[in-house]
Protein backbone atom coordinates (compact mmCIF):
# COMPACT_ATOMS: atom_id res chain seq x y z
CA MET A 1 23.39 121.94 115.40
CA SER A 2 25.96 121.37 118.16
CA LEU A 3 25.56 118.55 120.58
CA LYS A 4 24.89 119.33 124.19
CA SER A 5 24.89 117.37 127.41
CA GLU A 6 24.09 118.22 130.90
CA ARG A 7 26.81 118.00 133.53
CA ARG A 8 25.90 118.90 137.18
CA GLY A 9 22.88 120.86 135.99
CA ILE A 10 24.91 123.01 133.60
CA HIS A 11 24.52 122.97 129.72
CA VAL A 12 27.92 122.58 128.17
CA ASP A 13 28.61 123.09 124.47
CA GLN A 14 30.62 119.99 123.46
CA SER A 15 31.96 121.66 120.32
CA GLU A 16 33.83 124.16 122.49
CA LEU A 17 35.81 121.32 124.17
CA LEU A 18 37.05 119.76 120.92
CA CYS A 19 40.58 120.28 119.62
CA LYS A 20 41.05 123.61 117.79
CA LYS A 21 42.63 121.75 114.91
CA GLY A 22 39.43 119.75 114.24
CA CYS A 23 40.91 116.26 114.70
CA GLY A 24 37.85 115.19 116.72
CA TYR A 25 39.65 114.73 120.09
CA TYR A 26 39.10 116.85 123.11
CA GLY A 27 41.30 119.83 123.70
CA ASN A 28 43.02 120.97 126.84
CA PRO A 29 43.11 124.59 128.01
CA ALA A 30 46.66 123.97 129.37
CA TRP A 31 47.72 123.13 125.71
CA GLN A 32 46.03 126.23 124.30
CA GLY A 33 42.87 124.26 123.27
CA PHE A 34 44.79 121.57 121.38
CA CYS A 35 44.80 117.84 122.13
CA SER A 36 48.01 116.32 123.14
CA LYS A 37 48.94 114.97 119.63
CA CYS A 38 48.12 118.24 117.83
CA TRP A 39 49.94 120.26 120.56
CA ARG A 40 53.13 118.20 119.96
CA GLU A 41 52.90 118.79 116.19
CA GLU A 42 52.38 122.63 116.64
CA TYR A 43 55.22 122.75 119.22
CA HIS A 44 57.45 120.80 116.82
CA LYS A 45 56.78 123.27 114.00
CA ALA A 46 57.36 126.32 116.21
CA ARG A 47 60.56 125.05 117.65
CA GLN A 48 62.00 123.99 114.26
CA LYS A 49 61.23 127.42 112.82
CA GLN A 50 62.83 129.16 115.78
CA ILE A 51 66.00 127.00 115.62
CA GLN A 52 66.33 127.69 111.83
CA GLU A 53 66.09 131.42 112.45
CA ASP A 54 68.85 131.08 115.10
CA TRP A 55 71.10 129.24 112.65
CA GLU A 56 70.73 131.94 110.08
CA LEU A 57 71.40 134.65 112.60
CA ALA A 58 74.56 132.91 113.83
CA GLU A 59 75.91 132.38 110.35
CA ARG A 60 75.26 136.02 109.44
CA LEU A 61 77.08 137.16 112.53
CA GLN A 62 80.05 134.91 111.60
CA ARG A 63 80.20 136.33 108.10
CA GLU A 64 80.18 139.85 109.47
CA GLU A 65 83.01 138.97 111.83
CA GLU A 66 85.11 137.57 108.94
CA GLU A 67 84.48 140.60 106.74
CA ALA A 68 85.34 142.92 109.61
CA TYR A 69 88.55 141.04 110.20
CA ALA A 70 89.51 141.25 106.49
CA SER A 71 88.68 144.97 106.12
CA SER A 72 90.56 145.82 109.37
CA GLN A 73 93.84 144.68 107.63
CA SER A 74 93.66 147.58 105.11
CA THR A 75 93.88 150.38 107.74
CA GLN A 76 97.29 150.84 109.23
CA GLY A 77 97.50 152.01 112.85
CA ALA A 78 93.82 151.23 113.43
CA GLN A 79 92.65 148.75 115.95
CA SER A 80 92.49 145.41 114.19
CA LEU A 81 91.44 142.00 115.26
CA THR A 82 94.24 139.63 115.67
CA PHE A 83 93.87 136.06 114.56
CA SER A 84 93.62 134.86 118.15
CA LYS A 85 90.85 137.30 118.96
CA PHE A 86 89.15 136.43 115.75
CA GLU A 87 89.19 132.68 116.66
CA GLU A 88 88.13 133.50 120.29
CA LYS A 89 85.08 135.45 119.05
CA LYS A 90 84.26 132.76 116.55
CA THR A 91 84.44 130.15 119.31
CA ASN A 92 82.33 132.28 121.57
CA GLU A 93 79.73 132.76 118.85
CA LYS A 94 79.50 129.02 118.33
CA THR A 95 79.16 128.51 122.12
CA ARG A 96 76.46 131.14 122.28
CA LYS A 97 74.51 129.40 119.45
CA VAL A 98 74.69 126.01 121.12
CA THR A 99 73.68 127.46 124.51
CA THR A 100 70.73 129.24 122.83
CA VAL A 101 69.55 126.03 121.22
CA LYS A 102 69.89 124.08 124.51
CA LYS A 103 67.65 126.68 126.22
CA PHE A 104 64.86 125.97 123.81
CA PHE A 105 64.64 122.39 125.03
CA THR A 106 65.03 122.94 128.78
CA ALA A 107 62.62 125.84 129.57
CA SER A 108 59.52 123.66 130.25
CA SER A 109 57.88 122.01 133.12
CA ARG A 110 57.24 118.82 131.04
CA ALA A 111 60.97 117.96 131.01
CA GLY A 112 60.63 114.35 129.98
CA ALA A 113 58.37 114.98 126.98
CA LYS A 114 60.32 117.96 125.78
CA LYS A 115 63.62 116.19 126.10
CA ALA A 116 62.38 113.45 123.74
CA LEU A 117 60.99 116.12 121.41
CA ALA A 118 64.28 118.09 121.55
CA GLY A 119 66.21 114.92 120.37
CA LYS A 120 63.85 114.57 117.37
CA LEU A 121 64.11 118.25 116.51
CA LYS A 122 67.96 118.00 116.65
CA GLU A 123 67.97 115.05 114.33
CA ILE A 124 65.68 116.80 111.83
CA GLN A 125 67.70 119.93 111.99
CA GLU A 126 70.99 118.10 111.39
CA ALA A 127 69.57 116.16 108.48
CA LYS A 128 67.80 119.02 106.72
CA ALA A 129 69.78 122.16 107.46
CA PRO A 130 73.18 121.44 108.96
CA SER A 131 75.37 124.41 109.78
CA PRO A 132 78.89 124.12 108.32
CA SER A 133 80.25 126.29 111.01
CA ILE A 134 79.04 123.89 113.77
CA HIS A 135 79.25 120.43 112.21
CA ARG A 136 82.39 120.77 110.08
CA GLN A 137 85.21 118.75 111.67
CA ALA A 138 88.28 120.46 110.47
CA SER A 139 91.50 118.48 110.56
CA ILE A 140 94.49 119.65 112.46
CA GLU A 141 96.45 120.17 109.26
CA THR A 142 93.59 122.29 107.76
CA ASP A 143 93.51 124.52 110.88
CA ARG A 144 97.27 124.86 110.80
CA VAL A 145 97.35 125.80 107.13
CA SER A 146 94.54 128.38 107.69
CA LYS A 147 96.45 130.08 110.50
CA GLU A 148 99.67 130.14 108.43
CA PHE A 149 97.79 131.63 105.48
CA ILE A 150 96.27 134.42 107.56
CA GLU A 151 99.64 135.18 109.13
CA PHE A 152 101.15 135.26 105.59
CA ILE A 153 98.63 137.65 104.03
CA ARG A 154 99.24 140.14 106.83
CA THR A 155 102.59 140.91 105.28
CA TYR A 156 100.99 141.91 101.99
CA GLN A 157 98.56 144.50 103.52
CA LYS A 158 96.04 145.59 100.89
CA PRO A 159 97.13 142.93 98.29
CA GLY A 160 96.75 140.39 101.18
CA GLN A 161 93.19 141.57 101.80
CA ASP A 162 92.36 141.14 98.14
CA ILE A 163 94.01 137.66 98.16
CA TYR A 164 91.99 136.61 101.16
CA LYS A 165 88.77 137.80 99.64
CA GLN A 166 89.39 136.10 96.31
CA CYS A 167 90.24 132.84 98.05
CA LYS A 168 87.01 132.89 100.05
CA LEU A 169 85.04 133.51 96.93
CA PHE A 170 86.81 130.66 95.21
CA LEU A 171 86.18 128.20 98.01
CA ASP A 172 82.49 129.16 98.10
CA SER A 173 82.18 128.73 94.39
CA MET A 174 83.90 125.33 94.54
CA SER A 175 81.43 124.13 97.10
CA HIS A 176 78.70 124.67 94.49
CA LYS A 177 80.64 123.09 91.63
CA ARG A 178 81.10 119.62 93.05
CA ASP A 179 78.50 118.22 90.73
CA LEU A 180 80.62 119.24 87.74
CA SER A 181 83.29 116.98 86.15
CA ILE A 182 86.74 117.02 87.55
CA GLU A 183 88.05 118.53 84.34
CA GLU A 184 85.69 121.49 84.67
CA GLN A 185 86.77 122.01 88.26
CA SER A 186 90.39 121.82 87.28
CA GLU A 187 89.85 124.44 84.56
CA TYR A 188 88.13 126.72 87.12
CA ALA A 189 91.06 126.32 89.49
CA GLN A 190 93.63 127.07 86.76
CA ASP A 191 91.67 130.20 85.83
CA PHE A 192 91.71 131.23 89.50
CA TYR A 193 95.48 130.89 89.71
CA GLN A 194 95.91 132.96 86.56
CA ASN A 195 93.53 135.60 87.84
CA ILE A 196 95.31 135.92 91.19
CA ALA A 197 98.77 136.27 89.49
CA ASP A 198 97.43 138.90 87.08
CA ARG A 199 95.84 140.97 89.86
CA LEU A 200 99.03 140.95 91.93
CA GLN A 201 101.19 141.92 88.92
CA THR A 202 99.07 144.46 87.16
CA ARG A 203 96.82 145.90 89.86
CA TRP A 204 99.00 145.78 92.95
CA LYS A 205 102.45 145.92 91.20
CA VAL A 206 103.87 143.11 93.36
CA PRO A 207 107.44 142.01 92.46
CA PRO A 208 107.68 138.71 90.63
CA GLU A 209 109.44 136.86 93.49
CA LYS A 210 106.74 137.87 95.91
CA VAL A 211 104.02 136.86 93.41
CA GLU A 212 105.50 133.30 93.21
CA LYS A 213 105.64 133.02 96.96
CA ALA A 214 102.03 134.34 97.26
CA MET A 215 100.79 131.82 94.61
CA ASP A 216 102.54 129.01 96.56
CA GLU A 217 100.65 130.03 99.74
CA VAL A 218 97.39 130.39 97.85
CA GLU A 219 97.75 126.92 96.33
CA LYS A 220 98.60 125.48 99.77
CA TYR A 221 95.56 127.10 101.40
CA ILE A 222 92.84 126.25 98.90
CA MET A 223 94.06 122.76 97.95
CA THR A 224 94.37 121.69 101.60
CA ARG A 225 90.74 122.70 101.97
CA GLN A 226 89.61 121.01 98.68
CA TYR A 227 91.85 117.93 98.88
CA LYS A 228 89.22 115.38 99.99
CA TYR A 229 86.79 116.48 97.27
CA VAL A 230 89.12 116.69 94.21
CA PHE A 231 91.71 113.90 94.89
CA CYS A 232 90.77 110.60 93.17
CA PRO A 233 87.02 111.54 92.94
CA GLU A 234 84.47 108.77 92.41
CA THR A 235 83.40 110.23 89.10
CA THR A 236 86.71 109.35 87.50
CA ASP A 237 88.58 106.11 86.74
CA ASP A 238 91.70 107.15 88.71
CA GLU A 239 91.30 104.34 91.19
CA LYS A 240 90.97 101.77 88.47
CA LYS A 241 94.22 103.07 86.86
CA ASP A 242 95.99 102.95 90.24
CA LEU A 243 95.14 99.27 90.63
CA ALA A 244 96.15 98.54 87.01
CA VAL A 245 99.59 100.20 87.48
CA GLN A 246 100.15 98.53 90.83
CA LYS A 247 99.35 95.12 89.39
CA ARG A 248 101.65 95.81 86.44
CA ILE A 249 104.57 96.77 88.73
CA ARG A 250 104.05 93.66 90.85
CA ALA A 251 104.15 91.48 87.77
CA LEU A 252 107.54 93.19 86.80
CA HIS A 253 109.28 92.46 90.11
CA TRP A 254 111.88 90.32 88.35
CA VAL A 255 113.28 93.16 86.28
CA THR A 256 116.93 93.75 87.26
CA PRO A 257 119.05 96.96 86.99
CA GLN A 258 121.13 95.25 84.23
CA MET A 259 118.01 94.84 82.04
CA LEU A 260 117.27 98.58 82.35
CA CYS A 261 120.87 99.63 81.94
CA VAL A 262 120.83 101.33 85.27
CA PRO A 263 124.23 102.90 86.08
CA VAL A 264 123.86 102.33 89.84
CA SER A 265 125.67 99.86 91.94
CA GLU A 266 123.74 99.04 95.11
CA GLU A 267 126.75 97.10 96.52
CA ILE A 268 128.25 100.47 97.47
CA PRO A 269 126.77 101.38 100.95
CA GLU A 270 126.33 105.09 100.09
CA VAL A 271 124.54 104.27 96.80
CA SER A 272 122.31 101.79 98.62
CA ASP A 273 121.35 104.43 101.13
CA MET A 274 120.51 106.89 98.29
CA VAL A 275 118.36 104.28 96.67
CA VAL A 276 116.39 103.68 99.86
CA LYS A 277 115.94 107.42 100.38
CA ALA A 278 114.77 107.88 96.82
CA ILE A 279 112.15 105.05 97.26
CA THR A 280 111.03 106.64 100.62
CA ASP A 281 110.52 110.08 98.98
CA ILE A 282 108.47 108.69 96.08
CA ILE A 283 106.29 106.70 98.51
CA GLU A 284 105.86 109.76 100.80
CA MET A 285 104.35 111.72 97.88
CA ASP A 286 100.95 110.07 98.63
CA SER A 287 100.84 111.46 102.17
CA LYS A 288 100.90 115.13 101.03
CA ARG A 289 97.85 117.23 100.22
CA VAL A 290 99.33 120.18 98.36
CA PRO A 291 100.45 119.64 94.74
CA ARG A 292 103.59 121.67 95.39
CA ASP A 293 104.46 119.29 98.31
CA LYS A 294 103.96 116.26 96.13
CA LEU A 295 106.29 117.84 93.50
CA ALA A 296 108.85 118.50 96.21
CA CYS A 297 108.79 114.66 97.06
CA ILE A 298 109.46 113.92 93.39
CA THR A 299 112.27 116.48 93.30
CA LYS A 300 113.99 115.01 96.42
CA CYS A 301 113.69 111.53 94.97
CA SER A 302 115.29 112.67 91.71
CA LYS A 303 118.15 114.41 93.46
CA HIS A 304 118.91 111.24 95.47
CA ILE A 305 118.95 109.38 92.10
CA PHE A 306 121.47 111.86 90.62
CA ASN A 307 123.71 111.55 93.73
CA ALA A 308 123.56 107.68 93.45
CA ILE A 309 124.61 107.85 89.79
CA LYS A 310 127.32 110.33 90.57
CA ILE A 311 128.81 108.19 93.33
CA THR A 312 128.76 105.03 91.15
CA LYS A 313 130.26 106.62 88.03
CA ASN A 314 132.49 109.23 89.75
CA GLU A 315 131.10 111.80 87.30
CA PRO A 316 127.95 113.97 87.03
CA ALA A 317 124.89 112.06 85.83
CA SER A 318 123.21 112.67 82.46
CA ALA A 319 119.56 112.59 81.48
CA ASP A 320 120.09 109.24 79.68
CA ASP A 321 121.25 107.82 83.01
CA PHE A 322 118.50 109.46 85.06
CA LEU A 323 115.34 108.06 83.34
CA PRO A 324 116.27 104.37 83.51
CA THR A 325 117.19 104.74 87.14
CA LEU A 326 113.85 106.53 87.88
CA ILE A 327 112.03 103.66 86.18
CA TYR A 328 113.93 101.20 88.39
CA ILE A 329 113.08 103.19 91.52
CA VAL A 330 109.38 103.18 90.69
CA LEU A 331 109.35 99.46 89.96
CA LYS A 332 111.22 98.79 93.24
CA GLY A 333 109.08 101.15 95.36
CA ASN A 334 105.68 100.66 93.74
CA PRO A 335 104.26 103.94 95.10
CA PRO A 336 100.66 103.88 96.23
CA ARG A 337 97.95 105.61 94.14
CA LEU A 338 100.59 106.66 91.53
CA GLN A 339 98.16 107.61 88.79
CA SER A 340 95.83 109.53 91.19
CA ASN A 341 98.79 111.58 92.42
CA ILE A 342 99.94 112.36 88.84
CA GLN A 343 96.41 113.39 87.82
CA TYR A 344 95.97 115.49 90.98
CA ILE A 345 99.20 117.39 90.27
CA THR A 346 98.34 117.91 86.59
CA ARG A 347 94.84 119.22 87.42
CA PHE A 348 95.35 121.44 90.41
CA CYS A 349 99.03 122.47 90.50
CA ASN A 350 100.04 126.05 89.77
CA PRO A 351 100.71 125.92 85.96
CA SER A 352 103.83 128.16 86.19
CA ARG A 353 105.45 125.56 88.48
CA LEU A 354 104.78 122.71 86.08
CA MET A 355 105.89 124.50 82.95
CA THR A 356 109.19 125.86 84.41
CA GLY A 357 111.82 124.85 86.86
CA GLU A 358 113.26 121.60 88.02
CA ASP A 359 109.92 120.51 89.61
CA GLY A 360 108.34 120.46 86.17
CA TYR A 361 111.33 118.64 84.63
CA TYR A 362 111.31 115.89 87.24
CA PHE A 363 107.53 115.55 87.11
CA THR A 364 107.68 115.09 83.34
CA ASN A 365 110.26 112.32 83.75
CA LEU A 366 108.08 110.59 86.29
CA CYS A 367 105.14 110.62 83.79
CA CYS A 368 107.50 109.18 81.14
CA ALA A 369 108.66 106.46 83.55
CA VAL A 370 104.97 105.41 84.30
CA ALA A 371 104.16 105.39 80.60
CA PHE A 372 107.22 103.18 79.87
CA ILE A 373 106.30 100.70 82.67
CA GLU A 374 102.69 100.36 81.23
CA LYS A 375 104.09 99.58 77.73
CA LEU A 376 107.12 97.59 78.86
CA ASP A 377 107.70 94.55 76.56
CA ALA A 378 110.41 92.02 75.67
CA GLN A 379 112.02 94.28 73.15
CA SER A 380 112.43 97.04 75.69
CA LEU A 381 114.50 94.74 77.95
CA ASN A 382 116.42 93.06 75.08
CA LEU A 383 114.73 89.66 75.90
CA SER A 384 113.19 87.06 73.69
CA GLN A 385 109.36 86.92 73.85
CA GLU A 386 109.57 83.40 75.26
CA ASP A 387 111.76 84.45 78.22
CA PHE A 388 109.62 87.56 78.84
CA ASP A 389 106.44 85.48 78.95
CA ARG A 390 108.08 83.01 81.33
CA PHE A 391 109.22 85.74 83.61
CA MET A 392 105.83 87.45 83.66
CA THR A 393 104.01 84.24 84.51
CA GLY A 394 106.47 83.36 87.22
CA GLN A 395 107.67 80.12 85.62
CA THR A 396 111.23 81.14 86.12
CA SER A 397 113.33 84.20 87.10
CA PRO A 398 116.48 85.76 85.75
CA LYS A 399 119.69 84.20 86.95
CA LYS A 400 121.29 86.06 89.77
CA GLN A 401 124.84 87.22 89.83
CA GLU A 402 127.36 84.61 90.65
CA SER A 403 129.00 84.90 94.05
CA ASP A 404 132.45 84.49 92.57
CA SER A 405 132.06 87.63 90.55
CA PHE A 406 131.48 89.87 93.55
CA SER A 407 134.15 92.24 94.60
CA PRO A 408 136.03 91.60 97.86
CA ASP A 409 134.32 94.54 99.48
CA VAL A 410 130.93 92.82 99.43
CA CYS A 411 129.81 91.59 102.83
CA LEU A 412 129.39 87.86 103.55
CA GLY A 413 125.74 88.19 104.04
CA VAL A 414 125.16 89.37 100.46
CA LYS A 415 127.27 86.46 99.17
CA GLN A 416 125.37 83.94 101.24
CA MET A 417 122.06 85.39 100.14
CA CYS A 418 123.11 85.03 96.48
CA LYS A 419 124.17 81.46 97.03
CA SER A 420 120.85 80.62 98.68
CA LEU A 421 119.03 82.28 95.81
CA ASP A 422 121.08 80.24 93.31
CA LEU A 423 120.32 77.05 95.18
CA LEU A 424 116.61 77.87 95.33
CA SER A 425 116.65 78.51 91.55
CA GLN A 426 118.29 75.18 90.93
CA LEU A 427 115.82 73.42 93.18
CA ASN A 428 113.03 75.15 91.31
CA GLU A 429 114.34 73.98 87.99
CA ARG A 430 114.71 70.40 89.26
CA GLN A 431 111.12 70.49 90.65
CA GLU A 432 109.84 71.76 87.30
CA ARG A 433 111.72 69.04 85.54
CA ILE A 434 110.35 66.29 87.88
CA VAL A 435 106.83 67.60 87.49
CA SER A 436 107.15 67.63 83.69
CA GLU A 437 108.51 63.99 83.68
CA ALA A 438 105.73 62.91 86.02
CA LYS A 439 103.09 64.39 83.77
CA LYS A 440 104.69 62.69 80.82
CA LEU A 441 104.70 59.31 82.64
CA GLU A 442 101.10 59.76 83.52
CA LYS A 443 100.23 60.47 79.92
CA ASP A 444 102.21 57.37 78.77
CA LEU A 445 100.31 55.16 81.26
CA ILE A 446 96.98 56.57 80.13
CA ASP A 447 97.88 55.91 76.56
CA TRP A 448 99.10 52.36 77.24
CA THR A 449 95.84 51.57 79.10
CA ASP A 450 93.79 52.91 76.30
CA GLY A 451 95.85 50.95 73.79
CA ILE A 452 95.48 47.61 75.61
CA THR A 453 91.70 48.20 76.03
CA LYS A 454 91.31 48.87 72.36
CA GLU A 455 93.31 45.69 71.39
CA VAL A 456 91.18 43.55 73.65
CA GLU A 457 87.99 45.06 72.19
CA ASP A 458 89.24 44.41 68.55
CA ILE A 459 90.01 40.72 69.40
CA VAL A 460 86.67 40.16 71.03
CA GLU A 461 84.99 41.77 68.06
CA LYS A 462 86.97 39.61 65.59
CA TYR A 463 86.61 36.29 67.57
CA PRO A 464 83.40 36.49 69.43
CA LEU A 465 83.02 34.05 72.39
CA GLU A 466 80.09 31.57 71.81
CA ILE A 467 78.76 29.90 74.89
CA LYS A 468 76.84 26.69 74.11
CA PRO A 469 73.83 25.70 76.26
CA LYS A 470 74.27 23.16 78.98
CA SER A 471 73.73 19.48 77.83
CA GLN A 472 70.97 17.31 79.38
CA ALA A 473 71.83 14.68 82.01
CA LEU A 474 72.14 11.02 80.91
CA ALA A 475 69.18 8.79 81.75
CA ALA A 476 69.49 5.36 83.39
CA ILE A 477 69.66 2.32 81.17
CA ASP A 478 66.48 0.81 82.39
CA SER A 479 64.59 4.05 82.92
CA GLU A 480 62.28 3.36 79.96
CA ASN A 481 61.42 -0.16 81.33
CA VAL A 482 58.00 0.12 82.72
CA GLU A 483 58.11 -3.17 84.44
CA ASN A 484 61.28 -2.53 86.34
CA ASP A 485 59.66 -3.71 89.47
CA LYS A 486 59.63 -7.40 88.19
CA LEU A 487 63.36 -7.35 87.60
CA PRO A 488 65.35 -9.73 89.76
CA PRO A 489 67.47 -8.15 92.43
CA PRO A 490 71.08 -7.42 91.53
CA LEU A 491 73.54 -10.24 91.95
CA GLN A 492 75.30 -10.35 95.19
CA PRO A 493 78.80 -11.69 95.39
CA GLN A 494 79.03 -15.00 97.31
CA VAL A 495 81.95 -16.46 99.09
CA TYR A 496 82.50 -20.26 98.92
CA ALA A 497 84.69 -22.27 101.19
CA GLY A 498 87.29 -24.13 99.20
């Protein structure tokens, strides 16, 4: 039975005034029969559903634009969308979507309440269903590479359309394979390279030189997009290896070119410049995103090394001269994230480039140099184990070249520097000798103190000191005389006149 009350003489059914959701509060006809709390919940659900539908529509329109752009490249003489128009339409579509979303939150008389509700809806939407086309913050380099890739595939016409389609499919697939191990992702990328090369050669009959150039552009495009996901991922121990190699190289700072039999004389200005350029190139490798660009840095570094050897020896360098010099350059430069860069190149570089050509040869030598540094010991440097341990612990350092042995062409600054280093080395040896003597003196004093203490203890134990009790005080002669009161007084001296 419904409860009724009388208001102004009219019977009103109270159940008809309650919230339609059945929460027990009174509803409001202005809020479609809901209370304020339930109305906000219903409005929140409706707005969220509407926004989600708008995202889906916008993304579908974007995909259609991209497909239309790709398909338009296959028809010669037809009206095609240029890249600038494609980007313009894409930007307009994004602007339209944002404007549409803003309208959802501004078309209400309750501006204050809906503004707060719009903020909550935006946070929920960004957390649960973010749109990559809106929230992806593409770097300048990524945008530049994408434009260059699109301009490049235009020259290939139908094969270019196929390349673009395959690359888009690969990137979409990689976005769903990030939970896999890095080895599985690497294998998938290598299969993709092989598939693209086979399609260009067998299906489209592209000449080998154009296939190689196309593969370079494909690698540049996809690896620039995937770099932040596949370079030094958290699921691997690449970072740990980087720190271990960096620490090892720092510990080997004392290694000299003579120990490695490096045929390079840095006293020659041209050779010194080549060494600096080689170090700069090997360090610059870490700033590149594309495996081919990293290999190019290794190649430039190696060519500078060959030039330095050639200038020093006045003859072409050999492989036996190159590897020791490369080891010396790595020790002197200590490139950042060296192991991560090597692993990244191995995993995601075009295999044909690694297996053939000078890039592959120089990269193999770099891997050998790093392996040599990790296993470097006293025998490798023709040193005794004692000297090697002292150098590694920093107790001493190898003797520098005497200033008298320098050629007359060497500048005075280098000679003065060597003299200063020799003086510092001598002072270091004197300080070590003083510290050693001081520690020896301290030990002798401690031993002497312990010896004296032990002798004293032995004497005391052998001849113990006996302390007799204190003797009683002597009593007066007549102390036992009871009748001492009857004694006559003591005699007094008397003076007589004579």
